[in-house]
Amino acid sequence: RLQRPRSELPVERILEWADRFHARHGRWPNANDGQVEGD
C-alpha cells in the first residue's frame, strides 16, 4: 500500500498528527496505536 504512487508525506504533518494525539491521550503515539486521526 505504501509503495503505491501517492503524494509525499511531510515530516511536519506527522508531527502535527503526533501533537494532536498527545493532546488527546496525554502520551506520544507508537506503531501499535492504530488509525491516524487525520488520515
ModelCIF file with pLDDT and N, C-alpha, C, O atoms, coordinates in Angstrom:
data_MODEL
#
_entry.id   MODEL 
#
_entity.id                         1 
_entity.type                       polymer 
_entity.pdbx_number_of_molecules   1 
#
_entity_poly.entity_id                      1 
_entity_poly.type                           'polypeptide(L)' 
_entity_poly.nstd_linkage                   no 
_entity_poly.nstd_monomer                   no 
_entity_poly.pdbx_seq_one_letter_code       RLQRPRSELPVERILEWADRFHARHGRWPNANDGQVEGD 
_entity_poly.pdbx_seq_one_letter_code_can   RLQRPRSELPVERILEWADRFHARHGRWPNANDGQVEGD 
_entity_poly.pdbx_strand_id                 A 
#
loop_
_entity_poly_seq.entity_id 
_entity_poly_seq.num 
_entity_poly_seq.mon_id 
_entity_poly_seq.hetero 
1 1  ARG n 
1 2  LEU n 
1 3  GLN n 
1 4  ARG n 
1 5  PRO n 
1 6  ARG n 
1 7  SER n 
1 8  GLU n 
1 9  LEU n 
1 10 PRO n 
1 11 VAL n 
1 12 GLU n 
1 13 ARG n 
1 14 ILE n 
1 15 LEU n 
1 16 GLU n 
1 17 TRP n 
1 18 ALA n 
1 19 ASP n 
1 20 ARG n 
1 21 PHE n 
1 22 HIS n 
1 23 ALA n 
1 24 ARG n 
1 25 HIS n 
1 26 GLY n 
1 27 ARG n 
1 28 TRP n 
1 29 PRO n 
1 30 ASN n 
1 31 ALA n 
1 32 ASN n 
1 33 ASP n 
1 34 GLY n 
1 35 GLN n 
1 36 VAL n 
1 37 GLU n 
1 38 GLY n 
1 39 ASP n 
#
_struct_asym.id          A 
_struct_asym.entity_id   1 
#
loop_
_ma_qa_metric.id 
_ma_qa_metric.mode 
_ma_qa_metric.name 
_ma_qa_metric.software_group_id 
_ma_qa_metric.type 
1 global pLDDT . pLDDT 
2 local  pLDDT . pLDDT 
#
_ma_qa_metric_global.metric_id      1 
_ma_qa_metric_global.metric_value   74.05 
_ma_qa_metric_global.model_id       1 
_ma_qa_metric_global.ordinal_id     1 
#
loop_
_ma_qa_metric_local.label_asym_id 
_ma_qa_metric_local.label_comp_id 
_ma_qa_metric_local.label_seq_id 
_ma_qa_metric_local.metric_id 
_ma_qa_metric_local.metric_value 
_ma_qa_metric_local.model_id 
_ma_qa_metric_local.ordinal_id 
A ARG 1  2 53.00 1 1  
A LEU 2  2 47.00 1 2  
A GLN 3  2 50.00 1 3  
A ARG 4  2 48.00 1 4  
A PRO 5  2 47.00 1 5  
A ARG 6  2 56.00 1 6  
A SER 7  2 65.00 1 7  
A GLU 8  2 76.00 1 8  
A LEU 9  2 77.00 1 9  
A PRO 10 2 82.00 1 10 
A VAL 11 2 78.00 1 11 
A GLU 12 2 81.00 1 12 
A ARG 13 2 80.00 1 13 
A ILE 14 2 79.00 1 14 
A LEU 15 2 79.00 1 15 
A GLU 16 2 81.00 1 16 
A TRP 17 2 79.00 1 17 
A ALA 18 2 78.00 1 18 
A ASP 19 2 82.00 1 19 
A ARG 20 2 83.00 1 20 
A PHE 21 2 81.00 1 21 
A HIS 22 2 79.00 1 22 
A ALA 23 2 82.00 1 23 
A ARG 24 2 82.00 1 24 
A HIS 25 2 81.00 1 25 
A GLY 26 2 78.00 1 26 
A ARG 27 2 77.00 1 27 
A TRP 28 2 74.00 1 28 
A PRO 29 2 81.00 1 29 
A ASN 30 2 78.00 1 30 
A ALA 31 2 76.00 1 31 
A ASN 32 2 79.00 1 32 
A ASP 33 2 79.00 1 33 
A GLY 34 2 80.00 1 34 
A GLN 35 2 81.00 1 35 
A VAL 36 2 80.00 1 36 
A GLU 37 2 77.00 1 37 
A GLY 38 2 71.00 1 38 
A ASP 39 2 71.00 1 39 
#
loop_
_atom_site.group_PDB 
_atom_site.id 
_atom_site.type_symbol 
_atom_site.label_atom_id 
_atom_site.label_alt_id 
_atom_site.label_comp_id 
_atom_site.label_asym_id 
_atom_site.label_entity_id 
_atom_site.label_seq_id 
_atom_site.pdbx_PDB_ins_code 
_atom_site.Cartn_x 
_atom_site.Cartn_y 
_atom_site.Cartn_z 
_atom_site.occupancy 
_atom_site.B_iso_or_equiv 
_atom_site.pdbx_formal_charge 
_atom_site.auth_seq_id 
_atom_site.auth_comp_id 
_atom_site.auth_asym_id 
_atom_site.auth_atom_id 
_atom_site.pdbx_PDB_model_num 
ATOM 1   N N  . ARG A 1 1  ? 0.832  -1.201 0.000  1.00 53.00 ? 1  ARG A N  1 
ATOM 2   C CA . ARG A 1 1  ? 0.000  0.000  0.000  1.00 53.00 ? 1  ARG A CA 1 
ATOM 3   C C  . ARG A 1 1  ? 0.866  1.250  0.000  1.00 53.00 ? 1  ARG A C  1 
ATOM 4   O O  . ARG A 1 1  ? 0.560  2.217  -0.698 1.00 53.00 ? 1  ARG A O  1 
ATOM 5   N N  . LEU A 1 2  ? 1.971  1.240  0.796  1.00 47.00 ? 2  LEU A N  1 
ATOM 6   C CA . LEU A 1 2  ? 2.838  2.401  0.859  1.00 47.00 ? 2  LEU A CA 1 
ATOM 7   C C  . LEU A 1 2  ? 3.636  2.588  -0.412 1.00 47.00 ? 2  LEU A C  1 
ATOM 8   O O  . LEU A 1 2  ? 4.040  3.705  -0.738 1.00 47.00 ? 2  LEU A O  1 
ATOM 9   N N  . GLN A 1 3  ? 3.870  1.480  -1.146 1.00 50.00 ? 3  GLN A N  1 
ATOM 10  C CA . GLN A 1 3  ? 4.645  1.584  -2.386 1.00 50.00 ? 3  GLN A CA 1 
ATOM 11  C C  . GLN A 1 3  ? 3.820  2.139  -3.541 1.00 50.00 ? 3  GLN A C  1 
ATOM 12  O O  . GLN A 1 3  ? 4.382  2.515  -4.570 1.00 50.00 ? 3  GLN A O  1 
ATOM 13  N N  . ARG A 1 4  ? 2.485  2.198  -3.391 1.00 48.00 ? 4  ARG A N  1 
ATOM 14  C CA . ARG A 1 4  ? 1.655  2.769  -4.434 1.00 48.00 ? 4  ARG A CA 1 
ATOM 15  C C  . ARG A 1 4  ? 2.004  4.241  -4.618 1.00 48.00 ? 4  ARG A C  1 
ATOM 16  O O  . ARG A 1 4  ? 2.358  4.925  -3.658 1.00 48.00 ? 4  ARG A O  1 
ATOM 17  N N  . PRO A 1 5  ? 1.904  4.718  -5.833 1.00 47.00 ? 5  PRO A N  1 
ATOM 18  C CA . PRO A 1 5  ? 2.232  6.136  -6.081 1.00 47.00 ? 5  PRO A CA 1 
ATOM 19  C C  . PRO A 1 5  ? 1.207  7.046  -5.386 1.00 47.00 ? 5  PRO A C  1 
ATOM 20  O O  . PRO A 1 5  ? 0.072  7.207  -5.835 1.00 47.00 ? 5  PRO A O  1 
ATOM 21  N N  . ARG A 1 6  ? 1.651  7.617  -4.296 1.00 56.00 ? 6  ARG A N  1 
ATOM 22  C CA . ARG A 1 6  ? 0.808  8.559  -3.551 1.00 56.00 ? 6  ARG A CA 1 
ATOM 23  C C  . ARG A 1 6  ? 1.604  9.829  -3.309 1.00 56.00 ? 6  ARG A C  1 
ATOM 24  O O  . ARG A 1 6  ? 2.812  9.876  -3.542 1.00 56.00 ? 6  ARG A O  1 
ATOM 25  N N  . SER A 1 7  ? 0.924  10.839 -2.847 1.00 65.00 ? 7  SER A N  1 
ATOM 26  C CA . SER A 1 7  ? 1.590  12.117 -2.596 1.00 65.00 ? 7  SER A CA 1 
ATOM 27  C C  . SER A 1 7  ? 2.588  11.967 -1.448 1.00 65.00 ? 7  SER A C  1 
ATOM 28  O O  . SER A 1 7  ? 2.483  11.057 -0.625 1.00 65.00 ? 7  SER A O  1 
ATOM 29  N N  . GLU A 1 8  ? 3.549  12.871 -1.414 1.00 76.00 ? 8  GLU A N  1 
ATOM 30  C CA . GLU A 1 8  ? 4.563  12.819 -0.359 1.00 76.00 ? 8  GLU A CA 1 
ATOM 31  C C  . GLU A 1 8  ? 3.953  13.117 1.007  1.00 76.00 ? 8  GLU A C  1 
ATOM 32  O O  . GLU A 1 8  ? 2.952  13.823 1.124  1.00 76.00 ? 8  GLU A O  1 
ATOM 33  N N  . LEU A 1 9  ? 4.590  12.556 2.036  1.00 77.00 ? 9  LEU A N  1 
ATOM 34  C CA . LEU A 1 9  ? 4.119  12.722 3.401  1.00 77.00 ? 9  LEU A CA 1 
ATOM 35  C C  . LEU A 1 9  ? 5.153  13.537 4.174  1.00 77.00 ? 9  LEU A C  1 
ATOM 36  O O  . LEU A 1 9  ? 6.172  12.990 4.598  1.00 77.00 ? 9  LEU A O  1 
ATOM 37  N N  . PRO A 1 10 ? 4.910  14.826 4.363  1.00 82.00 ? 10 PRO A N  1 
ATOM 38  C CA . PRO A 1 10 ? 5.918  15.663 5.056  1.00 82.00 ? 10 PRO A CA 1 
ATOM 39  C C  . PRO A 1 10 ? 6.071  15.257 6.528  1.00 82.00 ? 10 PRO A C  1 
ATOM 40  O O  . PRO A 1 10 ? 5.128  14.791 7.167  1.00 82.00 ? 10 PRO A O  1 
ATOM 41  N N  . VAL A 1 11 ? 7.259  15.446 7.025  1.00 78.00 ? 11 VAL A N  1 
ATOM 42  C CA . VAL A 1 11 ? 7.522  15.182 8.449  1.00 78.00 ? 11 VAL A CA 1 
ATOM 43  C C  . VAL A 1 11 ? 6.679  16.107 9.327  1.00 78.00 ? 11 VAL A C  1 
ATOM 44  O O  . VAL A 1 11 ? 6.232  15.711 10.403 1.00 78.00 ? 11 VAL A O  1 
ATOM 45  N N  . GLU A 1 12 ? 6.462  17.348 8.861  1.00 81.00 ? 12 GLU A N  1 
ATOM 46  C CA . GLU A 1 12 ? 5.675  18.294 9.643  1.00 81.00 ? 12 GLU A CA 1 
ATOM 47  C C  . GLU A 1 12 ? 4.251  17.796 9.875  1.00 81.00 ? 12 GLU A C  1 
ATOM 48  O O  . GLU A 1 12 ? 3.667  18.026 10.934 1.00 81.00 ? 12 GLU A O  1 
ATOM 49  N N  . ARG A 1 13 ? 3.681  17.088 8.837  1.00 80.00 ? 13 ARG A N  1 
ATOM 50  C CA . ARG A 1 13 ? 2.327  16.579 9.000  1.00 80.00 ? 13 ARG A CA 1 
ATOM 51  C C  . ARG A 1 13 ? 2.298  15.451 10.023 1.00 80.00 ? 13 ARG A C  1 
ATOM 52  O O  . ARG A 1 13 ? 1.355  15.364 10.810 1.00 80.00 ? 13 ARG A O  1 
ATOM 53  N N  . ILE A 1 14 ? 3.318  14.576 10.031 1.00 79.00 ? 14 ILE A N  1 
ATOM 54  C CA . ILE A 1 14 ? 3.380  13.504 11.036 1.00 79.00 ? 14 ILE A CA 1 
ATOM 55  C C  . ILE A 1 14 ? 3.483  14.096 12.435 1.00 79.00 ? 14 ILE A C  1 
ATOM 56  O O  . ILE A 1 14 ? 2.835  13.621 13.368 1.00 79.00 ? 14 ILE A O  1 
ATOM 57  N N  . LEU A 1 15 ? 4.307  15.144 12.578 1.00 79.00 ? 15 LEU A N  1 
ATOM 58  C CA . LEU A 1 15 ? 4.445  15.780 13.888 1.00 79.00 ? 15 LEU A CA 1 
ATOM 59  C C  . LEU A 1 15 ? 3.143  16.453 14.315 1.00 79.00 ? 15 LEU A C  1 
ATOM 60  O O  . LEU A 1 15 ? 2.818  16.487 15.502 1.00 79.00 ? 15 LEU A O  1 
ATOM 61  N N  . GLU A 1 16 ? 2.398  16.989 13.342 1.00 81.00 ? 16 GLU A N  1 
ATOM 62  C CA . GLU A 1 16 ? 1.103  17.592 13.658 1.00 81.00 ? 16 GLU A CA 1 
ATOM 63  C C  . GLU A 1 16 ? 0.139  16.535 14.169 1.00 81.00 ? 16 GLU A C  1 
ATOM 64  O O  . GLU A 1 16 ? -0.574 16.757 15.147 1.00 81.00 ? 16 GLU A O  1 
ATOM 65  N N  . TRP A 1 17 ? 0.120  15.354 13.489 1.00 79.00 ? 17 TRP A N  1 
ATOM 66  C CA . TRP A 1 17 ? -0.725 14.257 13.968 1.00 79.00 ? 17 TRP A CA 1 
ATOM 67  C C  . TRP A 1 17 ? -0.293 13.806 15.361 1.00 79.00 ? 17 TRP A C  1 
ATOM 68  O O  . TRP A 1 17 ? -1.130 13.514 16.215 1.00 79.00 ? 17 TRP A O  1 
ATOM 69  N N  . ALA A 1 18 ? 1.019  13.752 15.581 1.00 78.00 ? 18 ALA A N  1 
ATOM 70  C CA . ALA A 1 18 ? 1.526  13.316 16.890 1.00 78.00 ? 18 ALA A CA 1 
ATOM 71  C C  . ALA A 1 18 ? 1.140  14.294 17.983 1.00 78.00 ? 18 ALA A C  1 
ATOM 72  O O  . ALA A 1 18 ? 0.772  13.885 19.084 1.00 78.00 ? 18 ALA A O  1 
ATOM 73  N N  . ASP A 1 19 ? 1.223  15.601 17.683 1.00 82.00 ? 19 ASP A N  1 
ATOM 74  C CA . ASP A 1 19 ? 0.822  16.607 18.676 1.00 82.00 ? 19 ASP A CA 1 
ATOM 75  C C  . ASP A 1 19 ? -0.653 16.484 19.009 1.00 82.00 ? 19 ASP A C  1 
ATOM 76  O O  . ASP A 1 19 ? -1.044 16.617 20.168 1.00 82.00 ? 19 ASP A O  1 
ATOM 77  N N  . ARG A 1 20 ? -1.474 16.231 17.997 1.00 83.00 ? 20 ARG A N  1 
ATOM 78  C CA . ARG A 1 20 ? -2.905 16.064 18.223 1.00 83.00 ? 20 ARG A CA 1 
ATOM 79  C C  . ARG A 1 20 ? -3.179 14.826 19.078 1.00 83.00 ? 20 ARG A C  1 
ATOM 80  O O  . ARG A 1 20 ? -4.029 14.850 19.969 1.00 83.00 ? 20 ARG A O  1 
ATOM 81  N N  . PHE A 1 21 ? -2.447 13.743 18.795 1.00 81.00 ? 21 PHE A N  1 
ATOM 82  C CA . PHE A 1 21 ? -2.585 12.511 19.572 1.00 81.00 ? 21 PHE A CA 1 
ATOM 83  C C  . PHE A 1 21 ? -2.182 12.750 21.030 1.00 81.00 ? 21 PHE A C  1 
ATOM 84  O O  . PHE A 1 21 ? -2.855 12.284 21.950 1.00 81.00 ? 21 PHE A O  1 
ATOM 85  N N  . HIS A 1 22 ? -1.079 13.480 21.231 1.00 79.00 ? 22 HIS A N  1 
ATOM 86  C CA . HIS A 1 22 ? -0.591 13.753 22.595 1.00 79.00 ? 22 HIS A CA 1 
ATOM 87  C C  . HIS A 1 22 ? -1.562 14.637 23.364 1.00 79.00 ? 22 HIS A C  1 
ATOM 88  O O  . HIS A 1 22 ? -1.769 14.438 24.561 1.00 79.00 ? 22 HIS A O  1 
ATOM 89  N N  . ALA A 1 23 ? -2.153 15.601 22.691 1.00 82.00 ? 23 ALA A N  1 
ATOM 90  C CA . ALA A 1 23 ? -3.111 16.480 23.358 1.00 82.00 ? 23 ALA A CA 1 
ATOM 91  C C  . ALA A 1 23 ? -4.359 15.720 23.783 1.00 82.00 ? 23 ALA A C  1 
ATOM 92  O O  . ALA A 1 23 ? -4.988 16.060 24.785 1.00 82.00 ? 23 ALA A O  1 
ATOM 93  N N  . ARG A 1 24 ? -4.716 14.692 23.020 1.00 82.00 ? 24 ARG A N  1 
ATOM 94  C CA . ARG A 1 24 ? -5.940 13.952 23.321 1.00 82.00 ? 24 ARG A CA 1 
ATOM 95  C C  . ARG A 1 24 ? -5.713 12.829 24.337 1.00 82.00 ? 24 ARG A C  1 
ATOM 96  O O  . ARG A 1 24 ? -6.565 12.581 25.191 1.00 82.00 ? 24 ARG A O  1 
ATOM 97  N N  . HIS A 1 25 ? -4.558 12.146 24.242 1.00 81.00 ? 25 HIS A N  1 
ATOM 98  C CA . HIS A 1 25 ? -4.338 10.959 25.068 1.00 81.00 ? 25 HIS A CA 1 
ATOM 99  C C  . HIS A 1 25 ? -3.316 11.175 26.167 1.00 81.00 ? 25 HIS A C  1 
ATOM 100 O O  . HIS A 1 25 ? -3.187 10.317 27.041 1.00 81.00 ? 25 HIS A O  1 
ATOM 101 N N  . GLY A 1 26 ? -2.578 12.292 26.167 1.00 78.00 ? 26 GLY A N  1 
ATOM 102 C CA . GLY A 1 26 ? -1.591 12.536 27.204 1.00 78.00 ? 26 GLY A CA 1 
ATOM 103 C C  . GLY A 1 26 ? -0.310 11.751 27.039 1.00 78.00 ? 26 GLY A C  1 
ATOM 104 O O  . GLY A 1 26 ? 0.483  11.692 27.979 1.00 78.00 ? 26 GLY A O  1 
ATOM 105 N N  . ARG A 1 27 ? -0.072 11.152 25.902 1.00 77.00 ? 27 ARG A N  1 
ATOM 106 C CA . ARG A 1 27 ? 1.172  10.431 25.615 1.00 77.00 ? 27 ARG A CA 1 
ATOM 107 C C  . ARG A 1 27 ? 1.447  10.505 24.125 1.00 77.00 ? 27 ARG A C  1 
ATOM 108 O O  . ARG A 1 27 ? 0.574  10.877 23.340 1.00 77.00 ? 27 ARG A O  1 
ATOM 109 N N  . TRP A 1 28 ? 2.688  10.141 23.732 1.00 74.00 ? 28 TRP A N  1 
ATOM 110 C CA . TRP A 1 28 ? 3.049  10.187 22.327 1.00 74.00 ? 28 TRP A CA 1 
ATOM 111 C C  . TRP A 1 28 ? 2.703  8.859  21.651 1.00 74.00 ? 28 TRP A C  1 
ATOM 112 O O  . TRP A 1 28 ? 2.730  7.820  22.309 1.00 74.00 ? 28 TRP A O  1 
ATOM 113 N N  . PRO A 1 29 ? 2.382  8.864  20.366 1.00 81.00 ? 29 PRO A N  1 
ATOM 114 C CA . PRO A 1 29 ? 1.961  7.631  19.692 1.00 81.00 ? 29 PRO A CA 1 
ATOM 115 C C  . PRO A 1 29 ? 3.138  6.695  19.429 1.00 81.00 ? 29 PRO A C  1 
ATOM 116 O O  . PRO A 1 29 ? 4.302  7.095  19.440 1.00 81.00 ? 29 PRO A O  1 
ATOM 117 N N  . ASN A 1 30 ? 2.780  5.422  19.189 1.00 78.00 ? 30 ASN A N  1 
ATOM 118 C CA . ASN A 1 30 ? 3.762  4.435  18.733 1.00 78.00 ? 30 ASN A CA 1 
ATOM 119 C C  . ASN A 1 30 ? 3.151  3.616  17.624 1.00 78.00 ? 30 ASN A C  1 
ATOM 120 O O  . ASN A 1 30 ? 2.018  3.869  17.212 1.00 78.00 ? 30 ASN A O  1 
ATOM 121 N N  . ALA A 1 31 ? 3.895  2.629  17.133 1.00 76.00 ? 31 ALA A N  1 
ATOM 122 C CA . ALA A 1 31 ? 3.450  1.874  15.951 1.00 76.00 ? 31 ALA A CA 1 
ATOM 123 C C  . ALA A 1 31 ? 2.227  1.013  16.219 1.00 76.00 ? 31 ALA A C  1 
ATOM 124 O O  . ALA A 1 31 ? 1.641  0.502  15.264 1.00 76.00 ? 31 ALA A O  1 
ATOM 125 N N  . ASN A 1 32 ? 1.814  0.825  17.455 1.00 79.00 ? 32 ASN A N  1 
ATOM 126 C CA . ASN A 1 32 ? 0.690  -0.055 17.785 1.00 79.00 ? 32 ASN A CA 1 
ATOM 127 C C  . ASN A 1 32 ? -0.596 0.706  18.076 1.00 79.00 ? 32 ASN A C  1 
ATOM 128 O O  . ASN A 1 32 ? -1.541 0.124  18.609 1.00 79.00 ? 32 ASN A O  1 
ATOM 129 N N  . ASP A 1 33 ? -0.656 2.002  17.737 1.00 79.00 ? 33 ASP A N  1 
ATOM 130 C CA . ASP A 1 33 ? -1.795 2.825  18.125 1.00 79.00 ? 33 ASP A CA 1 
ATOM 131 C C  . ASP A 1 33 ? -2.887 2.935  17.071 1.00 79.00 ? 33 ASP A C  1 
ATOM 132 O O  . ASP A 1 33 ? -3.770 3.783  17.197 1.00 79.00 ? 33 ASP A O  1 
ATOM 133 N N  . GLY A 1 34 ? -2.853 2.106  16.042 1.00 80.00 ? 34 GLY A N  1 
ATOM 134 C CA . GLY A 1 34 ? -3.959 2.028  15.111 1.00 80.00 ? 34 GLY A CA 1 
ATOM 135 C C  . GLY A 1 34 ? -4.053 3.190  14.136 1.00 80.00 ? 34 GLY A C  1 
ATOM 136 O O  . GLY A 1 34 ? -3.048 3.722  13.666 1.00 80.00 ? 34 GLY A O  1 
ATOM 137 N N  . GLN A 1 35 ? -5.323 3.577  13.841 1.00 81.00 ? 35 GLN A N  1 
ATOM 138 C CA . GLN A 1 35 ? -5.601 4.571  12.818 1.00 81.00 ? 35 GLN A CA 1 
ATOM 139 C C  . GLN A 1 35 ? -5.062 5.946  13.202 1.00 81.00 ? 35 GLN A C  1 
ATOM 140 O O  . GLN A 1 35 ? -5.139 6.354  14.361 1.00 81.00 ? 35 GLN A O  1 
ATOM 141 N N  . VAL A 1 36 ? -4.513 6.659  12.207 1.00 80.00 ? 36 VAL A N  1 
ATOM 142 C CA . VAL A 1 36 ? -4.049 8.028  12.389 1.00 80.00 ? 36 VAL A CA 1 
ATOM 143 C C  . VAL A 1 36 ? -5.246 8.961  12.303 1.00 80.00 ? 36 VAL A C  1 
ATOM 144 O O  . VAL A 1 36 ? -5.995 8.922  11.326 1.00 80.00 ? 36 VAL A O  1 
ATOM 145 N N  . GLU A 1 37 ? -5.430 9.788  13.302 1.00 77.00 ? 37 GLU A N  1 
ATOM 146 C CA . GLU A 1 37 ? -6.518 10.756 13.276 1.00 77.00 ? 37 GLU A CA 1 
ATOM 147 C C  . GLU A 1 37 ? -6.139 11.878 12.319 1.00 77.00 ? 37 GLU A C  1 
ATOM 148 O O  . GLU A 1 37 ? -5.257 12.679 12.629 1.00 77.00 ? 37 GLU A O  1 
ATOM 149 N N  . GLY A 1 38 ? -6.766 11.947 11.203 1.00 71.00 ? 38 GLY A N  1 
ATOM 150 C CA . GLY A 1 38 ? -6.444 12.934 10.192 1.00 71.00 ? 38 GLY A CA 1 
ATOM 151 C C  . GLY A 1 38 ? -6.227 12.311 8.830  1.00 71.00 ? 38 GLY A C  1 
ATOM 152 O O  . GLY A 1 38 ? -6.171 13.022 7.827  1.00 71.00 ? 38 GLY A O  1 
ATOM 153 N N  . ASP A 1 39 ? -6.102 10.984 8.778  1.00 71.00 ? 39 ASP A N  1 
ATOM 154 C CA . ASP A 1 39 ? -5.930 10.270 7.504  1.00 71.00 ? 39 ASP A CA 1 
ATOM 155 C C  . ASP A 1 39 ? -6.642 8.934  7.632  1.00 71.00 ? 39 ASP A C  1 
ATOM 156 O O  . ASP A 1 39 ? -6.644 8.143  6.690  1.00 71.00 ? 39 ASP A O  1 
#
